[in-house]
Amino acid sequence: MDVRRADDARPARAPLPPGLVLLVGVAAMSYAGPAVRFSSAPALVIAAWRLTFSVAFIALVLAFRPGAWRSVRLGAGEWLQAVAAGLLLAAHFWSWIASLSLTTVSSSVVLVSTQPIFVALLSTLFLHERATARQWLGIVIAVTGGMVIGWGDFGQGRAALIGDLLATAGAVFVSGYYVIGRSLRQKLDLWLYIGIVYGVAAASFMVLGALHPHVSLTGYPARDWLIFAALAAGPMMLGHTGVNYALRYLRAYVANLALLGEPIGATLIAWLLPAIHEVPGPQTLIGAVLILGGIALGVIRQAQTGRGPQSDRQRHAAGCNRGASEHVIDESGHGPNMTVQ
């Protein structure tokens, strides 16, 4: 996969603080796992309608911005990357949602939250964004906290093991999605990017649902349709879209590390809801402290500045071309800005 370096272009100033957007996004994503537990639909159907409702809202936004598409400047390879990102997102949703029917909410969200490890590795390989020693330490501490939370749920039989493997696969798939997004978000307006990627993911699920002999995309009770809509409104539009917003201003592994707060919120919700009532033990509390400590160590300083340290290539370009202006697309979608280094 030939993912171009994200540092080739310097983004415009963030209209909203990326750290604040990530905080809201993590809170919104925390209820996805518990909400899925209340649906009677299979994983493929839940993911299909969650994405389809999201795409419908995005289409409504883009309808009021008819000039937004004129800002698209993607080559054939970048369009292929966008399609690949959509397919990876679809694979992530299927594997993670399927895991929730086989293992506990805490184990599922913890294992899918190991994604910062894979994102950091992929960012180094494809984006040439090297994590600092401090950020690697934050990743290790936070992931260790996630392992502490999920440890008590391991070894609960074959079904639980399959669920754990599906959740881990979901972490790998979504890591590729975020790394590609970090590259493409430098060139695309937020609404255009998520419209393309979510659209590819939704279309793939609809095709699979239509072709699958044992899956029906319709005929579900009203409660399921409310769950589909709630998953689109919160975890999708506020959660995933918030992360995609932050990807333009923060390194992929930094934006992704903040998502390790999701297991804490999901575990608390699963504990407090009487219909689920999965009571967290002492290990959950210890793990939560480690996760929050890792997030603070790896994210807070960069979120305050809105940008991380430059890559080797960007430092070289800045030294050779100081004072040169760059062409970027701002989040409003009204055309290019000129920024001076």
Protein backbone atom coordinates (compact mmCIF):
# COMPACT_ATOMS: atom_id res chain seq x y z
CA MET A 1 0.00 0.00 0.00
CA ASP A 2 1.50 3.27 -1.14
CA VAL A 3 0.21 5.76 1.40
CA ARG A 4 1.68 9.22 0.88
CA ARG A 5 3.27 11.01 3.79
CA ALA A 6 0.81 13.08 5.78
CA ASP A 7 3.49 15.68 6.42
CA ASP A 8 3.64 16.69 2.75
CA ALA A 9 1.11 19.42 3.50
CA ARG A 10 0.72 21.60 6.54
CA PRO A 11 -2.96 21.77 7.65
CA ALA A 12 -4.80 24.99 8.30
CA ARG A 13 -5.44 26.04 11.90
CA ALA A 14 -8.05 23.84 13.54
CA PRO A 15 -11.45 25.60 13.87
CA LEU A 16 -12.16 23.46 16.96
CA PRO A 17 -9.55 22.11 19.42
CA PRO A 18 -8.74 18.54 18.27
CA GLY A 19 -8.37 17.39 21.88
CA LEU A 20 -11.88 18.58 22.76
CA VAL A 21 -13.35 16.94 19.66
CA LEU A 22 -11.63 13.68 20.60
CA LEU A 23 -13.05 13.89 24.14
CA VAL A 24 -16.60 14.24 22.83
CA GLY A 25 -15.97 11.49 20.26
CA VAL A 26 -14.73 9.01 22.85
CA ALA A 27 -17.75 9.70 25.07
CA ALA A 28 -20.08 9.09 22.11
CA MET A 29 -18.33 5.88 21.09
CA SER A 30 -18.49 4.45 24.61
CA TYR A 31 -22.15 3.46 24.36
CA ALA A 32 -21.78 1.59 21.05
CA GLY A 33 -20.86 -1.75 22.63
CA PRO A 34 -23.67 -1.78 25.21
CA ALA A 35 -26.19 -0.57 22.60
CA VAL A 36 -25.35 -3.42 20.22
CA ARG A 37 -26.22 -5.88 23.00
CA PHE A 38 -29.86 -4.76 22.85
CA SER A 39 -30.27 -5.45 19.12
CA SER A 40 -31.66 -8.70 17.76
CA ALA A 41 -30.15 -8.10 14.31
CA PRO A 42 -26.96 -9.83 13.10
CA ALA A 43 -23.66 -7.97 13.00
CA LEU A 44 -23.79 -7.39 9.23
CA VAL A 45 -27.22 -5.73 9.44
CA ILE A 46 -26.32 -3.54 12.42
CA ALA A 47 -23.19 -2.29 10.66
CA ALA A 48 -25.03 -1.80 7.35
CA TRP A 49 -27.79 0.42 8.75
CA ARG A 50 -25.47 2.26 11.15
CA LEU A 51 -23.38 3.34 8.16
CA THR A 52 -26.32 3.92 5.82
CA PHE A 53 -28.04 6.30 8.24
CA SER A 54 -24.72 8.13 8.66
CA VAL A 55 -24.28 8.46 4.90
CA ALA A 56 -27.82 9.84 4.57
CA PHE A 57 -26.99 12.61 7.04
CA ILE A 58 -23.69 13.36 5.30
CA ALA A 59 -25.48 13.57 1.95
CA LEU A 60 -27.86 16.12 3.46
CA VAL A 61 -24.92 18.24 4.64
CA LEU A 62 -23.21 18.05 1.25
CA ALA A 63 -26.45 18.99 -0.51
CA PHE A 64 -26.15 22.43 1.10
CA ARG A 65 -22.52 22.69 -0.02
CA PRO A 66 -22.72 22.12 -3.78
CA GLY A 67 -19.27 23.56 -4.41
CA ALA A 68 -17.51 21.18 -2.04
CA TRP A 69 -16.74 18.58 -4.72
CA ARG A 70 -14.84 21.15 -6.77
CA SER A 71 -12.09 21.11 -4.13
CA VAL A 72 -11.39 17.40 -4.69
CA ARG A 73 -7.94 16.86 -6.19
CA LEU A 74 -7.27 13.13 -5.94
CA GLY A 75 -5.34 10.90 -8.29
CA ALA A 76 -6.29 7.33 -9.17
CA GLY A 77 -4.07 5.94 -6.42
CA GLU A 78 -5.67 8.18 -3.81
CA TRP A 79 -9.15 7.11 -4.88
CA LEU A 80 -8.04 3.51 -4.42
CA GLN A 81 -6.82 4.42 -0.94
CA ALA A 82 -10.23 5.93 -0.13
CA VAL A 83 -11.97 2.75 -1.28
CA ALA A 84 -9.51 0.65 0.75
CA ALA A 85 -10.23 2.79 3.83
CA GLY A 86 -13.97 2.19 3.39
CA LEU A 87 -13.50 -1.57 3.06
CA LEU A 88 -11.25 -1.64 6.13
CA LEU A 89 -13.87 0.30 8.09
CA ALA A 90 -16.52 -2.21 7.01
CA ALA A 91 -14.32 -5.14 8.07
CA HIS A 92 -13.71 -3.45 11.41
CA PHE A 93 -17.41 -2.99 12.14
CA TRP A 94 -18.34 -6.53 11.17
CA SER A 95 -15.61 -8.22 13.21
CA TRP A 96 -16.07 -6.01 16.28
CA ILE A 97 -19.88 -6.15 16.35
CA ALA A 98 -19.74 -9.93 15.85
CA SER A 99 -17.36 -10.22 18.82
CA LEU A 100 -19.92 -8.66 21.16
CA SER A 101 -22.20 -11.68 20.84
CA LEU A 102 -19.37 -14.04 21.85
CA THR A 103 -17.43 -12.27 24.59
CA THR A 104 -18.07 -9.65 27.26
CA VAL A 105 -18.42 -5.94 26.47
CA SER A 106 -15.28 -5.15 28.47
CA SER A 107 -13.14 -7.76 26.69
CA SER A 108 -14.40 -6.71 23.27
CA VAL A 109 -13.86 -2.97 23.68
CA VAL A 110 -10.51 -3.51 25.39
CA LEU A 111 -9.15 -5.75 22.64
CA VAL A 112 -10.41 -3.55 19.82
CA SER A 113 -8.75 -0.65 21.64
CA THR A 114 -5.29 -2.19 21.23
CA GLN A 115 -5.32 -0.42 17.85
CA PRO A 116 -2.75 2.27 18.88
CA ILE A 117 -0.02 -0.40 18.68
CA PHE A 118 -0.89 -1.21 15.07
CA VAL A 119 -1.48 2.45 14.17
CA ALA A 120 1.93 3.46 15.53
CA LEU A 121 3.63 0.71 13.54
CA LEU A 122 1.74 1.49 10.32
CA SER A 123 2.32 5.24 10.77
CA THR A 124 6.05 4.62 11.01
CA LEU A 125 6.05 2.41 7.90
CA PHE A 126 3.72 4.34 5.61
CA LEU A 127 3.44 7.92 6.92
CA HIS A 128 7.00 8.28 8.24
CA GLU A 129 5.54 9.71 11.46
CA ARG A 130 7.75 8.45 14.25
CA ALA A 131 6.38 8.31 17.74
CA THR A 132 8.51 9.93 20.41
CA ALA A 133 9.77 7.92 23.37
CA ARG A 134 7.17 9.65 25.53
CA GLN A 135 4.35 8.68 23.16
CA TRP A 136 5.52 5.06 22.93
CA LEU A 137 5.60 4.96 26.73
CA GLY A 138 2.03 6.31 26.78
CA ILE A 139 0.95 3.63 24.31
CA VAL A 140 2.55 0.87 26.36
CA ILE A 141 1.01 2.09 29.62
CA ALA A 142 -2.46 2.55 28.13
CA VAL A 143 -2.49 -0.81 26.34
CA THR A 144 -1.24 -2.47 29.53
CA GLY A 145 -4.22 -0.96 31.29
CA GLY A 146 -6.51 -2.40 28.61
CA MET A 147 -5.00 -5.83 29.09
CA VAL A 148 -5.52 -5.60 32.85
CA ILE A 149 -9.21 -4.80 32.32
CA GLY A 150 -9.79 -7.71 29.94
CA TRP A 151 -7.58 -10.30 31.64
CA GLY A 152 -10.32 -11.73 33.85
CA ASP A 153 -12.53 -12.45 30.85
CA PHE A 154 -9.97 -14.54 28.97
CA GLY A 155 -10.15 -18.32 28.98
CA GLN A 156 -13.95 -18.51 29.21
CA GLY A 157 -14.34 -21.14 26.49
CA ARG A 158 -14.11 -21.43 22.71
CA ALA A 159 -16.82 -18.86 21.99
CA ALA A 160 -15.11 -16.24 24.14
CA LEU A 161 -11.78 -16.98 22.44
CA ILE A 162 -13.32 -16.51 18.98
CA GLY A 163 -14.90 -13.27 20.20
CA ASP A 164 -11.52 -12.08 21.48
CA LEU A 165 -9.88 -12.89 18.14
CA LEU A 166 -12.62 -11.05 16.22
CA ALA A 167 -12.18 -7.97 18.43
CA THR A 168 -8.42 -8.04 17.87
CA ALA A 169 -8.98 -8.37 14.11
CA GLY A 170 -11.23 -5.32 14.38
CA ALA A 171 -8.30 -3.41 15.90
CA VAL A 172 -6.05 -4.33 12.97
CA PHE A 173 -8.66 -3.36 10.36
CA VAL A 174 -9.47 0.00 11.93
CA SER A 175 -5.77 0.79 12.29
CA GLY A 176 -5.32 0.62 8.53
CA TYR A 177 -8.41 2.79 8.12
CA TYR A 178 -7.03 5.49 10.42
CA VAL A 179 -3.57 5.49 8.83
CA ILE A 180 -5.02 5.93 5.34
CA GLY A 181 -7.33 8.61 6.73
CA ARG A 182 -4.39 10.54 8.19
CA SER A 183 -2.94 10.79 4.67
CA LEU A 184 -6.15 11.59 2.78
CA ARG A 185 -7.46 14.08 5.34
CA GLN A 186 -4.65 16.45 4.35
CA LYS A 187 -6.26 16.73 0.91
CA LEU A 188 -9.99 16.36 1.56
CA ASP A 189 -12.59 18.36 3.46
CA LEU A 190 -13.96 16.39 6.44
CA TRP A 191 -17.47 15.92 5.01
CA LEU A 192 -16.19 14.84 1.62
CA TYR A 193 -13.79 12.34 3.16
CA ILE A 194 -16.32 10.67 5.45
CA GLY A 195 -18.94 10.76 2.68
CA ILE A 196 -16.64 8.75 0.42
CA VAL A 197 -15.33 6.33 3.05
CA TYR A 198 -18.58 5.75 4.94
CA GLY A 199 -20.34 5.42 1.58
CA VAL A 200 -17.97 2.66 0.42
CA ALA A 201 -18.40 0.81 3.73
CA ALA A 202 -22.20 1.14 3.66
CA ALA A 203 -22.42 0.00 0.03
CA SER A 204 -20.27 -3.05 0.73
CA PHE A 205 -22.54 -4.10 3.60
CA MET A 206 -25.70 -3.56 1.56
CA VAL A 207 -24.32 -5.71 -1.26
CA LEU A 208 -23.28 -8.45 1.18
CA GLY A 209 -26.66 -8.28 2.91
CA ALA A 210 -28.52 -8.59 -0.40
CA LEU A 211 -26.39 -11.57 -1.48
CA HIS A 212 -26.27 -13.40 1.87
CA PRO A 213 -28.88 -16.22 1.82
CA HIS A 214 -29.45 -16.16 5.59
CA VAL A 215 -29.49 -12.42 6.27
CA SER A 216 -32.37 -10.01 5.79
CA LEU A 217 -31.82 -6.26 5.78
CA THR A 218 -35.43 -5.53 6.78
CA GLY A 219 -38.16 -6.89 9.02
CA TYR A 220 -36.73 -5.90 12.40
CA PRO A 221 -38.70 -4.47 15.35
CA ALA A 222 -38.85 -0.74 16.07
CA ARG A 223 -36.31 -1.07 18.90
CA ASP A 224 -33.67 -2.30 16.46
CA TRP A 225 -34.25 0.64 14.11
CA LEU A 226 -33.85 3.04 17.03
CA ILE A 227 -30.57 1.32 17.92
CA PHE A 228 -29.35 1.63 14.32
CA ALA A 229 -30.17 5.35 14.34
CA ALA A 230 -28.57 5.87 17.75
CA LEU A 231 -25.37 4.14 16.62
CA ALA A 232 -25.26 6.40 13.56
CA ALA A 233 -25.92 9.61 15.50
CA GLY A 234 -23.50 9.09 18.40
CA PRO A 235 -20.67 6.58 17.89
CA MET A 236 -20.58 7.19 14.13
CA MET A 237 -21.21 10.90 13.50
CA LEU A 238 -19.73 12.20 16.76
CA GLY A 239 -17.27 9.39 17.46
CA HIS A 240 -15.66 8.22 14.23
CA THR A 241 -16.23 11.55 12.51
CA GLY A 242 -14.60 13.34 15.45
CA VAL A 243 -11.53 11.14 15.10
CA ASN A 244 -11.44 11.83 11.35
CA TYR A 245 -11.57 15.56 12.13
CA ALA A 246 -8.63 15.24 14.53
CA LEU A 247 -6.60 13.22 12.02
CA ARG A 248 -5.95 16.38 10.01
CA TYR A 249 -4.27 18.07 12.97
CA LEU A 250 -2.82 15.23 15.07
CA ARG A 251 -0.62 12.27 14.28
CA ALA A 252 -2.62 9.09 13.58
CA TYR A 253 -1.26 7.22 16.62
CA VAL A 254 -1.93 10.21 18.91
CA ALA A 255 -5.55 10.63 17.80
CA ASN A 256 -5.98 6.87 18.07
CA LEU A 257 -4.45 6.65 21.54
CA ALA A 258 -7.22 8.86 22.92
CA LEU A 259 -9.74 6.16 21.96
CA LEU A 260 -8.40 3.96 24.75
CA GLY A 261 -10.75 5.91 26.98
CA GLU A 262 -13.64 4.06 25.31
CA PRO A 263 -13.28 0.82 27.34
CA ILE A 264 -13.73 2.80 30.54
CA GLY A 265 -16.97 4.39 29.37
CA ALA A 266 -18.29 1.17 27.82
CA THR A 267 -17.50 -0.84 30.97
CA LEU A 268 -19.26 1.71 33.19
CA ILE A 269 -22.35 1.73 30.96
CA ALA A 270 -22.47 -2.08 30.86
CA TRP A 271 -22.21 -2.07 34.66
CA LEU A 272 -24.91 0.53 35.31
CA LEU A 273 -27.48 -0.78 32.83
CA PRO A 274 -29.63 -3.39 34.66
CA ALA A 275 -30.22 -5.36 31.45
CA ILE A 276 -26.47 -6.02 31.10
CA HIS A 277 -25.07 -5.46 34.61
CA GLU A 278 -21.47 -6.57 34.07
CA VAL A 279 -19.91 -5.44 37.35
CA PRO A 280 -16.28 -4.28 36.97
CA GLY A 281 -13.80 -5.71 39.45
CA PRO A 282 -10.69 -4.19 41.01
CA GLN A 283 -8.68 -5.01 37.88
CA THR A 284 -11.01 -2.78 35.87
CA LEU A 285 -10.31 0.15 38.16
CA ILE A 286 -6.55 -0.47 38.03
CA GLY A 287 -6.69 -0.74 34.25
CA ALA A 288 -8.71 2.46 34.00
CA VAL A 289 -6.04 4.37 35.91
CA LEU A 290 -3.33 3.00 33.60
CA ILE A 291 -5.33 3.87 30.47
CA LEU A 292 -5.99 7.44 31.58
CA GLY A 293 -2.34 7.83 32.58
CA GLY A 294 -1.18 6.61 29.18
CA ILE A 295 -3.59 8.94 27.39
CA ALA A 296 -2.38 11.89 29.46
CA LEU A 297 1.25 11.04 28.76
CA GLY A 298 0.89 10.52 25.02
CA VAL A 299 -1.86 12.93 23.99
CA ILE A 300 -2.42 15.98 26.17
CA ARG A 301 0.75 17.89 25.30
CA GLN A 302 0.26 17.48 21.54
CA ALA A 303 -3.49 18.12 21.67
CA GLN A 304 -2.78 21.49 23.24
CA THR A 305 -0.48 22.51 20.38
CA GLY A 306 -2.60 20.91 17.63
CA ARG A 307 0.48 19.38 15.93
CA GLY A 308 3.15 16.88 16.80
CA PRO A 309 6.83 16.91 16.06
CA GLN A 310 7.73 17.08 12.39
CA SER A 311 8.91 14.10 10.39
CA ASP A 312 12.44 14.00 8.96
CA ARG A 313 11.12 14.88 5.52
CA GLN A 314 9.09 17.84 6.77
CA ARG A 315 12.04 19.26 8.72
CA HIS A 316 14.19 19.04 5.61
CA ALA A 317 11.53 20.67 3.44
CA ALA A 318 11.04 23.47 5.97
CA GLY A 319 14.75 24.20 6.00
CA CYS A 320 15.02 24.29 2.21
CA ASN A 321 11.80 26.14 1.48
CA ARG A 322 11.27 28.43 4.43
CA GLY A 323 8.84 31.15 3.54
CA ALA A 324 7.20 29.13 0.75
CA SER A 325 3.44 29.04 0.75
CA GLU A 326 1.32 25.94 0.50
CA HIS A 327 -2.11 25.26 -0.96
CA VAL A 328 -4.52 23.66 1.50
CA ILE A 329 -8.24 23.09 1.82
CA ASP A 330 -9.93 24.48 4.89
CA GLU A 331 -12.67 22.72 6.87
CA SER A 332 -15.35 25.10 5.65
CA GLY A 333 -15.04 23.72 2.13
CA HIS A 334 -15.06 27.23 0.60
CA GLY A 335 -11.80 26.80 -1.23
CA PRO A 336 -8.07 27.10 -0.65
CA ASN A 337 -6.23 29.03 2.00
CA MET A 338 -2.67 30.24 1.66
CA THR A 339 -0.52 29.47 4.66
CA VAL A 340 3.06 30.66 5.13
CA GLN A 341 5.61 28.46 6.82
